[in-house]
C-alpha cells in the first residue's frame, strides 16, 4: 500500500470518526452552544449561499441551510473551506441535509449523520452551532433526534410542510415528529423558519419566511410587514406559543423534510376547480378574456386534457382551437404536448365512459387571485408549462412555458406581435426579460396577470 493510499483510507474525510456519539449509530453530538436572551432579540438569519468572506454588513446574523442540498454539499466534502468565513457570523445552524419521506432509510440516517458531523466539526473550530432538526416517518424517530443534548436550542422549518401554492399542508406528519422532538430533546428554544402551526408548543422564535423576500430585505416602515418587525402584531394566535420575531435575508429556495414532491395538490383559486371533477366529465369555463375552455376529467377525477379556443396572442404557435395534455406526476400536474389543428379538421372533444355531464363553471379569478405572490411561485408556474398573459405600464405581453418540440424553451412576446418573440432556457433566465424598461424579476409580484392556467 502506498503512503498516498494509506493517508486517504485513514483520513477523517474517509472515516469521520473523531466525534463519538452515544447511540448505536454513533451519531456525532453537537455540543450545546453558549446563548443568551440577547442572541435571539431581533433575530436575523442569512442563507449559507449568501455568506461572503468580505461581508461586513450581516455578521450579526445566524447562518442557515434551508436550501437545496447541492448549494451546500461542499460543506460535507470540504469542511475546512468555509470555516473562516462562518466564524465571522453570530452563529451557524447545522446543515439541513434533506430527510424526505420517500428517501431510502439508509439515506435518511446518512443525512442525519452528516448534519450532526458538520455541526460538531464547526463547534470544534470555535463556531457557535444550533442543531437543525428534520425527520421522516416514525421509523426515523430512533435516530433523527440523536446527537443533540437535552435542553439545546434547535431550529426547524415548517415551510415545506405548510400549505402554499397548490400544495396541501402536511401538518399531521410534521406535528408527530415535532412532539417527539420535544419529548426527546426538551429544547430550550426553537427557531421556527416559517409560520408555526398553532398546535406547536414551546419557546418558539418565529422567523417569517415571507419576510425573506427580496422585496422586504430593507424592512422599511412602509413595508406591509413592518407591524411584525416592530412588534405591533403577533403573526400567530396561540396561548401555547411564546413568540419572538425575526426575519431571513434574502429569499431562499426551501427544502428539507416532508414529501419530496410537496403536499397533495388541491385547488387554490376558483378557476383551479376545473382541474378536479367527476370521472368522464367535461367542464366548460371561460378565461378572463371570454375565451371558451373545455376541460376533460379522467377516470381518477383529475383533468387529462383541455381545449382552448384562443391562440394566446401568438397565432403562429396555436390554432383555434388547440388541445393541451395534462400530465400528473406524484399528484401534481404539468402541461404536456400541444395539439394544433391547422387544417381545420378538429376532432370531437369526447367524454369518457359515456358520461355526458357538461358542467358550467364561471371563471371568477380576480387580478389579485392571479397575481404572483413570489418569484418562486412564478418559476413553478412557468416551469410546469403554463401560458400567462400580462400587462405592465400599458404593455400587453405573454409568456409560454410549453414550446413545440424540439425546443422546449420558455418564450416571451408582445401580444399578437410574432416578431417580438424571445426565448429563454430556464425560468431564471426568463426573469431577466425586459418589459417597458423593467426587468421581470423586479416587477413579477406587482404586475397585472390577465390570464394564467393555475
Protein backbone atom coordinates (compact mmCIF):
# COMPACT_ATOMS: atom_id res chain seq x y z
CA UNK A 1 0.00 0.00 0.00
CA UNK A 2 1.42 3.37 -0.98
CA UNK A 3 1.72 6.21 1.51
CA UNK A 4 -0.84 8.16 -0.50
CA UNK A 5 -3.37 5.33 -0.28
CA UNK A 6 -2.72 4.85 3.43
CA UNK A 7 -3.28 8.54 4.16
CA UNK A 8 -6.51 8.53 2.17
CA UNK A 9 -8.04 5.45 3.78
CA UNK A 10 -7.18 6.67 7.29
CA UNK A 11 -8.16 10.31 6.77
CA UNK A 12 -11.08 11.90 8.61
CA UNK A 13 -12.70 12.71 5.28
CA UNK A 14 -12.99 8.94 4.87
CA UNK A 15 -13.56 7.73 8.46
CA UNK A 16 -15.46 10.63 10.09
CA UNK A 17 -14.95 9.01 13.49
CA UNK A 18 -13.43 11.77 15.60
CA UNK A 19 -16.78 12.64 17.23
CA UNK A 20 -18.14 9.74 19.27
CA UNK A 21 -21.91 9.50 19.63
CA UNK A 22 -23.56 7.59 22.48
CA UNK A 23 -26.26 5.80 20.49
CA UNK A 24 -25.94 2.62 18.47
CA UNK A 25 -25.40 4.63 15.29
CA UNK A 26 -22.55 6.68 16.87
CA UNK A 27 -24.11 9.88 15.55
CA UNK A 28 -21.82 12.81 16.49
CA UNK A 29 -23.01 15.10 19.28
CA UNK A 30 -23.31 18.84 18.65
CA UNK A 31 -22.30 20.47 21.95
CA UNK A 32 -24.70 22.98 23.45
CA UNK A 33 -23.75 26.48 22.45
CA UNK A 34 -23.48 29.34 24.90
CA UNK A 35 -26.50 31.50 24.06
CA UNK A 36 -28.28 34.23 25.97
CA UNK A 37 -31.55 36.10 25.54
CA UNK A 38 -29.85 38.86 23.55
CA UNK A 39 -28.83 36.38 20.86
CA UNK A 40 -32.48 35.92 19.92
CA UNK A 41 -33.70 39.50 20.13
CA UNK A 42 -34.46 40.88 16.66
CA UNK A 43 -33.03 37.68 15.24
CA UNK A 44 -31.66 37.85 11.71
CA UNK A 45 -30.71 34.89 9.51
CA UNK A 46 -28.75 34.69 6.28
CA UNK A 47 -28.64 31.76 3.87
CA UNK A 48 -25.30 29.98 3.52
CA UNK A 49 -25.31 30.74 -0.20
CA UNK A 50 -25.38 34.48 0.62
CA UNK A 51 -22.45 34.45 3.02
CA UNK A 52 -19.19 36.02 1.93
CA UNK A 53 -15.72 36.30 3.43
CA UNK A 54 -15.82 40.04 2.62
CA UNK A 55 -19.25 40.59 4.17
CA UNK A 56 -19.21 43.49 6.63
CA UNK A 57 -22.95 44.20 6.89
CA UNK A 58 -24.60 40.97 8.05
CA UNK A 59 -22.18 39.50 10.58
CA UNK A 60 -24.72 39.79 13.39
CA UNK A 61 -26.89 37.20 11.67
CA UNK A 62 -27.07 33.43 12.09
CA UNK A 63 -26.31 31.33 9.03
CA UNK A 64 -28.96 28.83 7.92
CA UNK A 65 -29.01 25.95 5.42
CA UNK A 66 -32.71 25.81 4.49
CA UNK A 67 -31.63 25.46 0.87
CA UNK A 68 -31.41 22.78 -1.77
CA UNK A 69 -28.67 20.36 -0.74
CA UNK A 70 -26.50 20.98 -3.78
CA UNK A 71 -25.98 24.55 -2.60
CA UNK A 72 -24.03 23.41 0.44
CA UNK A 73 -22.76 19.93 -0.46
CA UNK A 74 -19.22 21.25 -0.29
CA UNK A 75 -19.64 21.71 3.47
CA UNK A 76 -19.51 17.91 3.71
CA UNK A 77 -16.85 17.29 1.08
CA UNK A 78 -14.51 20.14 2.06
CA UNK A 79 -15.47 21.15 5.62
CA UNK A 80 -12.47 23.44 6.10
CA UNK A 81 -13.19 25.52 3.02
CA UNK A 82 -15.78 27.82 4.64
CA UNK A 83 -14.69 27.71 8.30
CA UNK A 84 -13.02 31.12 8.43
CA UNK A 85 -15.99 32.71 6.72
CA UNK A 86 -18.56 31.08 9.03
CA UNK A 87 -16.59 32.08 12.13
CA UNK A 88 -17.39 35.71 11.40
CA UNK A 89 -21.17 35.32 11.87
CA UNK A 90 -23.10 35.28 15.15
CA UNK A 91 -23.86 31.55 14.96
CA UNK A 92 -24.44 28.76 12.44
CA UNK A 93 -27.37 26.36 12.13
CA UNK A 94 -26.18 22.85 11.30
CA UNK A 95 -26.58 21.92 7.60
CA UNK A 96 -30.11 20.70 6.84
CA UNK A 97 -29.36 17.73 4.59
CA UNK A 98 -32.76 16.55 3.38
CA UNK A 99 -34.70 13.72 5.04
CA UNK A 100 -37.61 13.33 2.63
CA UNK A 101 -40.24 10.74 3.44
CA UNK A 102 -39.66 8.98 0.12
CA UNK A 103 -35.94 8.54 0.80
CA UNK A 104 -34.36 5.18 1.44
CA UNK A 105 -33.98 4.83 5.25
CA UNK A 106 -30.22 4.43 4.88
CA UNK A 107 -30.08 7.82 3.16
CA UNK A 108 -32.15 9.39 5.95
CA UNK A 109 -29.71 8.04 8.53
CA UNK A 110 -26.74 9.16 6.45
CA UNK A 111 -28.08 12.70 6.13
CA UNK A 112 -28.77 12.86 9.87
CA UNK A 113 -25.16 11.80 10.47
CA UNK A 114 -23.89 14.46 8.06
CA UNK A 115 -25.98 17.14 9.79
CA UNK A 116 -24.51 16.31 13.20
CA UNK A 117 -20.96 15.69 11.99
CA UNK A 118 -20.79 19.09 10.30
CA UNK A 119 -22.29 20.76 13.38
CA UNK A 120 -19.81 19.03 15.68
CA UNK A 121 -16.95 19.95 13.35
CA UNK A 122 -17.99 23.61 13.25
CA UNK A 123 -18.17 23.64 17.05
CA UNK A 124 -14.68 22.12 17.28
CA UNK A 125 -13.43 25.13 15.33
CA UNK A 126 -14.91 27.60 17.79
CA UNK A 127 -18.20 28.32 15.99
CA UNK A 128 -21.42 28.51 17.98
CA UNK A 129 -23.78 25.95 16.46
CA UNK A 130 -27.56 25.44 16.69
CA UNK A 131 -28.71 21.97 15.54
CA UNK A 132 -31.22 21.93 12.69
CA UNK A 133 -33.71 19.10 13.20
CA UNK A 134 -35.56 17.21 10.46
CA UNK A 135 -37.38 13.88 10.46
CA UNK A 136 -39.21 11.46 8.23
CA UNK A 137 -41.92 8.99 9.19
CA UNK A 138 -41.95 7.30 12.58
CA UNK A 139 -39.28 4.81 11.55
CA UNK A 140 -36.74 7.68 11.67
CA UNK A 141 -37.50 8.62 15.27
CA UNK A 142 -34.88 6.27 16.70
CA UNK A 143 -32.05 8.24 15.06
CA UNK A 144 -33.16 11.63 13.73
CA UNK A 145 -33.09 13.31 17.18
CA UNK A 146 -29.75 11.82 18.23
CA UNK A 147 -26.60 13.88 18.65
CA UNK A 148 -28.48 16.80 20.27
CA UNK A 149 -28.14 17.19 24.06
CA UNK A 150 -31.29 17.81 26.07
CA UNK A 151 -32.05 21.46 26.62
CA UNK A 152 -30.35 22.60 23.41
CA UNK A 153 -31.57 25.43 21.22
CA UNK A 154 -32.75 23.85 17.95
CA UNK A 155 -34.04 25.03 14.56
CA UNK A 156 -36.90 23.59 12.46
CA UNK A 157 -38.74 24.66 9.33
CA UNK A 158 -42.46 24.42 8.58
CA UNK A 159 -42.28 25.80 5.06
CA UNK A 160 -42.03 22.56 3.09
CA UNK A 161 -44.88 21.03 5.11
CA UNK A 162 -47.12 24.13 5.11
CA UNK A 163 -49.86 24.89 2.63
CA UNK A 164 -48.56 27.07 -0.18
CA UNK A 165 -49.36 27.42 -3.84
CA UNK A 166 -51.49 24.42 -4.79
CA UNK A 167 -49.91 22.22 -2.11
CA UNK A 168 -51.96 20.99 0.86
CA UNK A 169 -50.22 21.06 4.23
CA UNK A 170 -48.52 18.05 5.80
CA UNK A 171 -49.26 19.24 9.31
CA UNK A 172 -50.14 15.85 10.82
CA UNK A 173 -46.83 14.39 9.67
CA UNK A 174 -44.89 17.38 10.96
CA UNK A 175 -46.58 17.58 14.36
CA UNK A 176 -45.99 13.89 15.07
CA UNK A 177 -42.25 14.40 14.67
CA UNK A 178 -42.29 17.78 16.40
CA UNK A 179 -43.89 16.33 19.54
CA UNK A 180 -41.37 13.50 19.55
CA UNK A 181 -38.59 16.09 19.27
CA UNK A 182 -39.99 17.93 22.30
CA UNK A 183 -40.05 14.66 24.23
CA UNK A 184 -36.56 13.52 23.33
CA UNK A 185 -34.65 16.82 23.27
CA UNK A 186 -36.70 19.13 25.55
CA UNK A 187 -35.29 22.15 23.67
CA UNK A 188 -34.73 25.44 25.47
CA UNK A 189 -35.74 27.42 22.39
CA UNK A 190 -36.97 26.51 18.91
CA UNK A 191 -36.11 28.70 15.93
CA UNK A 192 -39.01 28.14 13.52
CA UNK A 193 -38.38 29.13 9.90
CA UNK A 194 -41.83 29.99 8.51
CA UNK A 195 -45.07 30.37 10.45
CA UNK A 196 -45.52 27.86 13.30
CA UNK A 197 -48.62 25.70 13.32
CA UNK A 198 -50.98 26.78 16.14
CA UNK A 199 -50.62 23.35 17.77
CA UNK A 200 -46.85 23.74 18.24
CA UNK A 201 -45.75 24.22 21.83
CA UNK A 202 -42.54 25.63 23.25
CA UNK A 203 -40.45 28.76 23.38
CA UNK A 204 -40.63 29.48 19.65
CA UNK A 205 -38.61 32.13 17.86
CA UNK A 206 -40.64 32.78 14.73
CA UNK A 207 -38.69 33.64 11.56
CA UNK A 208 -41.13 34.79 8.88
CA UNK A 209 -40.46 33.09 5.55
CA UNK A 210 -42.35 35.78 3.64
CA UNK A 211 -40.02 38.44 5.03
CA UNK A 212 -37.18 36.62 3.30
CA UNK A 213 -38.46 38.04 0.03
CA UNK A 214 -36.08 40.36 -1.78
CA UNK A 215 -38.89 42.95 -1.69
CA UNK A 216 -38.70 43.34 2.09
CA UNK A 217 -34.99 42.95 2.72
CA UNK A 218 -34.72 46.58 3.85
CA UNK A 219 -37.77 46.16 6.13
CA UNK A 220 -38.70 49.83 5.83
CA UNK A 221 -41.60 51.34 7.75
CA UNK A 222 -43.62 51.40 4.56
CA UNK A 223 -43.48 47.61 4.28
CA UNK A 224 -46.73 45.77 4.92
CA UNK A 225 -44.70 43.58 7.30
CA UNK A 226 -43.45 46.49 9.40
CA UNK A 227 -46.12 45.74 12.03
CA UNK A 228 -44.48 42.35 12.64
CA UNK A 229 -40.94 43.71 12.75
CA UNK A 230 -41.88 46.41 15.22
CA UNK A 231 -43.82 44.00 17.41
CA UNK A 232 -47.17 45.70 16.89
CA UNK A 233 -48.80 42.46 15.73
CA UNK A 234 -48.22 38.83 16.59
CA UNK A 235 -48.38 36.58 13.50
CA UNK A 236 -49.62 33.50 15.34
CA UNK A 237 -52.55 33.38 17.75
CA UNK A 238 -51.89 30.59 20.23
CA UNK A 239 -51.50 30.57 24.00
CA UNK A 240 -49.24 27.55 23.70
CA UNK A 241 -46.54 29.51 21.87
CA UNK A 242 -44.19 32.15 23.20
CA UNK A 243 -43.46 34.17 20.06
CA UNK A 244 -40.35 36.16 19.36
CA UNK A 245 -39.82 37.72 15.97
CA UNK A 246 -37.15 37.62 13.32
CA UNK A 247 -36.64 37.56 9.60
CA UNK A 248 -34.44 35.98 6.99
CA UNK A 249 -32.29 37.71 4.37
CA UNK A 250 -32.77 37.26 1.46
CA UNK A 251 -35.27 34.87 -0.17
CA UNK A 252 -34.14 31.25 -0.32
CA UNK A 253 -35.24 28.07 -2.06
CA UNK A 254 -36.73 25.94 0.69
CA UNK A 255 -36.34 22.17 1.07
CA UNK A 256 -35.78 19.67 3.83
CA UNK A 257 -38.42 17.32 5.22
CA UNK A 258 -41.91 16.12 4.37
CA UNK A 259 -42.63 14.76 0.92
CA UNK A 260 -40.02 15.48 -1.74
CA UNK A 261 -42.94 16.37 -4.03
CA UNK A 262 -44.72 18.68 -1.57
CA UNK A 263 -48.19 18.13 -0.18
CA UNK A 264 -51.16 16.82 -2.12
CA UNK A 265 -52.33 19.07 -4.98
CA UNK A 266 -55.53 20.97 -4.29
CA UNK A 267 -57.39 23.88 -5.94
CA UNK A 268 -56.16 27.16 -4.54
CA UNK A 269 -58.25 29.60 -6.57
CA UNK A 270 -61.77 29.42 -8.02
CA UNK A 271 -60.52 28.76 -11.55
CA UNK A 272 -58.41 25.82 -10.33
CA UNK A 273 -61.62 23.89 -9.61
CA UNK A 274 -61.85 22.97 -13.29
CA UNK A 275 -58.97 20.50 -12.94
CA UNK A 276 -60.88 18.28 -10.48
CA UNK A 277 -64.28 16.66 -11.10
CA UNK A 278 -66.33 13.56 -11.73
CA UNK A 279 -64.75 10.87 -13.93
CA UNK A 280 -65.78 11.35 -17.55
CA UNK A 281 -66.97 14.91 -17.01
CA UNK A 282 -66.17 17.79 -19.36
CA UNK A 283 -66.16 21.19 -17.70
CA UNK A 284 -66.91 24.31 -19.67
CA UNK A 285 -65.35 27.58 -18.49
CA UNK A 286 -64.16 30.88 -19.87
CA UNK A 287 -60.95 32.77 -19.22
CA UNK A 288 -60.89 36.47 -18.30
CA UNK A 289 -60.99 37.41 -21.97
CA UNK A 290 -64.18 35.39 -22.51
CA UNK A 291 -62.43 32.61 -24.47
CA UNK A 292 -64.04 29.19 -24.13
CA UNK A 293 -62.19 26.29 -22.47
CA UNK A 294 -63.21 22.63 -22.28
CA UNK A 295 -61.55 20.54 -19.57
CA UNK A 296 -61.77 16.76 -19.76
CA UNK A 297 -61.74 14.86 -16.44
CA UNK A 298 -60.13 11.42 -16.48
CA UNK A 299 -61.06 8.21 -14.72
CA UNK A 300 -59.31 9.23 -11.49
CA UNK A 301 -61.19 12.54 -11.21
CA UNK A 302 -58.28 14.67 -12.46
CA UNK A 303 -58.07 16.64 -15.69
CA UNK A 304 -56.28 14.89 -18.54
CA UNK A 305 -56.64 17.44 -21.35
CA UNK A 306 -58.01 20.90 -22.09
CA UNK A 307 -59.21 22.55 -25.29
CA UNK A 308 -58.58 26.28 -25.69
CA UNK A 309 -60.49 28.46 -28.13
CA UNK A 310 -57.75 31.09 -28.18
CA UNK A 311 -54.31 31.49 -29.75
CA UNK A 312 -52.92 33.15 -26.57
CA UNK A 313 -51.62 36.11 -28.55
CA UNK A 314 -49.19 34.16 -30.78
CA UNK A 315 -51.20 32.73 -33.71
CA UNK A 316 -48.30 31.02 -35.47
CA UNK A 317 -47.87 28.68 -32.48
CA UNK A 318 -51.52 27.90 -31.69
CA UNK A 319 -54.53 27.13 -33.84
CA UNK A 320 -58.05 27.99 -32.71
CA UNK A 321 -58.97 25.68 -31.11
CA UNK A 322 -55.99 23.66 -29.84
CA UNK A 323 -55.62 21.00 -27.14
CA UNK A 324 -53.22 20.64 -24.23
CA UNK A 325 -52.45 17.40 -22.43
CA UNK A 326 -52.19 17.47 -18.64
CA UNK A 327 -49.61 15.09 -17.19
CA UNK A 328 -49.90 14.16 -13.50
CA UNK A 329 -46.79 13.01 -11.66
CA UNK A 330 -46.71 12.45 -7.90
CA UNK A 331 -50.16 14.04 -7.66
CA UNK A 332 -49.06 17.29 -9.35
CA UNK A 333 -49.53 18.16 -13.00
CA UNK A 334 -47.66 19.93 -15.74
CA UNK A 335 -48.76 20.85 -19.24
CA UNK A 336 -47.82 18.25 -21.82
CA UNK A 337 -47.93 18.21 -25.61
CA UNK A 338 -49.98 20.72 -27.59
CA UNK A 339 -52.15 19.54 -30.50
CA UNK A 340 -52.89 22.13 -33.17
CA UNK A 341 -55.45 21.76 -35.99
CA UNK A 342 -54.11 23.96 -38.76
CA UNK A 343 -56.20 22.22 -41.45
CA UNK A 344 -59.44 22.97 -39.61
CA UNK A 345 -60.17 19.27 -39.06
CA UNK A 346 -60.96 19.47 -35.34
CA UNK A 347 -61.88 16.15 -33.66
CA UNK A 348 -64.74 15.92 -31.20
CA UNK A 349 -63.72 16.52 -27.59
CA UNK A 350 -65.22 13.26 -26.34
CA UNK A 351 -66.19 12.37 -22.83
CA UNK A 352 -65.02 9.21 -21.08
CA UNK A 353 -67.23 6.27 -20.28
CA UNK A 354 -70.42 7.65 -21.76
CA UNK A 355 -70.75 10.32 -19.08
CA UNK A 356 -72.44 13.21 -20.83
CA UNK A 357 -72.42 15.70 -17.99
CA UNK A 358 -71.46 19.17 -19.14
CA UNK A 359 -70.99 21.44 -16.16
CA UNK A 360 -70.75 25.22 -16.47
CA UNK A 361 -68.38 26.96 -14.08
CA UNK A 362 -67.86 30.71 -14.42
CA UNK A 363 -64.26 31.88 -14.30
CA UNK A 364 -64.12 34.19 -11.32
CA UNK A 365 -60.45 34.72 -10.50
CA UNK A 366 -59.68 38.35 -9.79
CA UNK A 367 -56.49 40.16 -10.77
CA UNK A 368 -55.39 39.75 -7.17
CA UNK A 369 -56.08 36.00 -7.32
CA UNK A 370 -53.80 35.55 -10.31
CA UNK A 371 -51.01 37.91 -9.25
CA UNK A 372 -47.82 36.08 -8.36
CA UNK A 373 -47.00 36.24 -4.66
CA UNK A 374 -43.34 35.39 -5.08
CA UNK A 375 -40.60 34.70 -7.59
CA UNK A 376 -40.74 31.05 -6.56
CA UNK A 377 -44.45 30.83 -7.50
CA UNK A 378 -43.75 32.27 -10.95
CA UNK A 379 -40.85 29.86 -11.51
CA UNK A 380 -43.00 26.90 -10.51
CA UNK A 381 -45.84 28.06 -12.79
CA UNK A 382 -43.78 28.71 -15.91
CA UNK A 383 -41.67 25.61 -15.19
CA UNK A 384 -44.82 23.47 -15.38
CA UNK A 385 -45.54 24.81 -18.85
CA UNK A 386 -48.16 27.46 -18.15
CA UNK A 387 -49.19 30.15 -20.65
CA UNK A 388 -49.51 33.54 -18.99
CA UNK A 389 -50.90 36.87 -20.16
CA UNK A 390 -49.55 40.07 -18.55
CA UNK A 391 -49.96 43.83 -18.64
CA UNK A 392 -47.39 46.29 -17.31
CA UNK A 393 -47.32 50.06 -17.91
CA UNK A 394 -49.77 49.63 -20.78
CA UNK A 395 -47.67 46.92 -22.46
CA UNK A 396 -49.61 43.73 -23.22
CA UNK A 397 -47.37 40.66 -23.41
CA UNK A 398 -47.34 36.95 -22.82
CA UNK A 399 -45.07 34.13 -21.74
CA UNK A 400 -45.31 30.42 -22.50
CA UNK A 401 -43.51 27.55 -20.85
CA UNK A 402 -44.64 24.79 -23.24
CA UNK A 403 -42.96 25.34 -26.57
CA UNK A 404 -43.29 22.94 -29.52
CA UNK A 405 -40.70 20.17 -29.78
CA UNK A 406 -37.75 20.09 -30.02
CA UNK A 407 -37.29 23.50 -28.39
CA UNK A 408 -38.96 23.01 -25.01
CA UNK A 409 -37.96 26.54 -24.09
CA UNK A 410 -39.75 29.46 -22.48
CA UNK A 411 -40.99 32.12 -24.86
CA UNK A 412 -41.86 35.75 -24.11
CA UNK A 413 -43.54 38.00 -26.66
CA UNK A 414 -45.62 41.13 -27.14
CA UNK A 415 -49.29 40.26 -27.67
CA UNK A 416 -50.10 39.43 -31.31
CA UNK A 417 -46.64 40.62 -32.44
CA UNK A 418 -44.85 37.40 -33.58
CA UNK A 419 -41.61 39.15 -34.48
CA UNK A 420 -41.06 40.13 -30.83
CA UNK A 421 -40.54 36.58 -29.58
CA UNK A 422 -37.62 35.96 -27.22
CA UNK A 423 -36.57 32.54 -25.93
CA UNK A 424 -35.14 31.54 -22.55
CA UNK A 425 -33.77 28.21 -21.38
CA UNK A 426 -34.82 28.39 -17.71
CA UNK A 427 -37.32 30.27 -15.50
CA UNK A 428 -34.39 32.21 -14.01
CA UNK A 429 -33.36 33.31 -17.50
CA UNK A 430 -36.96 34.33 -18.26
CA UNK A 431 -36.97 36.58 -15.19
CA UNK A 432 -34.35 38.72 -16.96
CA UNK A 433 -36.88 39.61 -19.68
CA UNK A 434 -37.23 43.39 -20.04
CA UNK A 435 -40.72 44.86 -20.38
CA UNK A 436 -41.38 48.61 -20.52
CA UNK A 437 -37.84 49.21 -19.31
CA UNK A 438 -38.18 46.98 -16.22
CA UNK A 439 -36.70 43.58 -15.52
CA UNK A 440 -39.41 40.97 -14.96
CA UNK A 441 -37.66 39.74 -11.81
CA UNK A 442 -38.11 43.17 -10.24
CA UNK A 443 -41.82 43.52 -11.04
CA UNK A 444 -43.20 39.99 -11.10
CA UNK A 445 -45.15 40.37 -7.83
CA UNK A 446 -46.60 43.75 -8.86
CA UNK A 447 -47.60 43.06 -12.43
CA UNK A 448 -51.21 42.51 -13.59
CA UNK A 449 -51.72 38.88 -14.66
CA UNK A 450 -54.64 38.85 -17.06
CA UNK A 451 -54.71 35.09 -17.56
CA UNK A 452 -52.90 32.01 -16.26
CA UNK A 453 -53.86 28.38 -16.09
CA UNK A 454 -53.06 27.75 -12.44
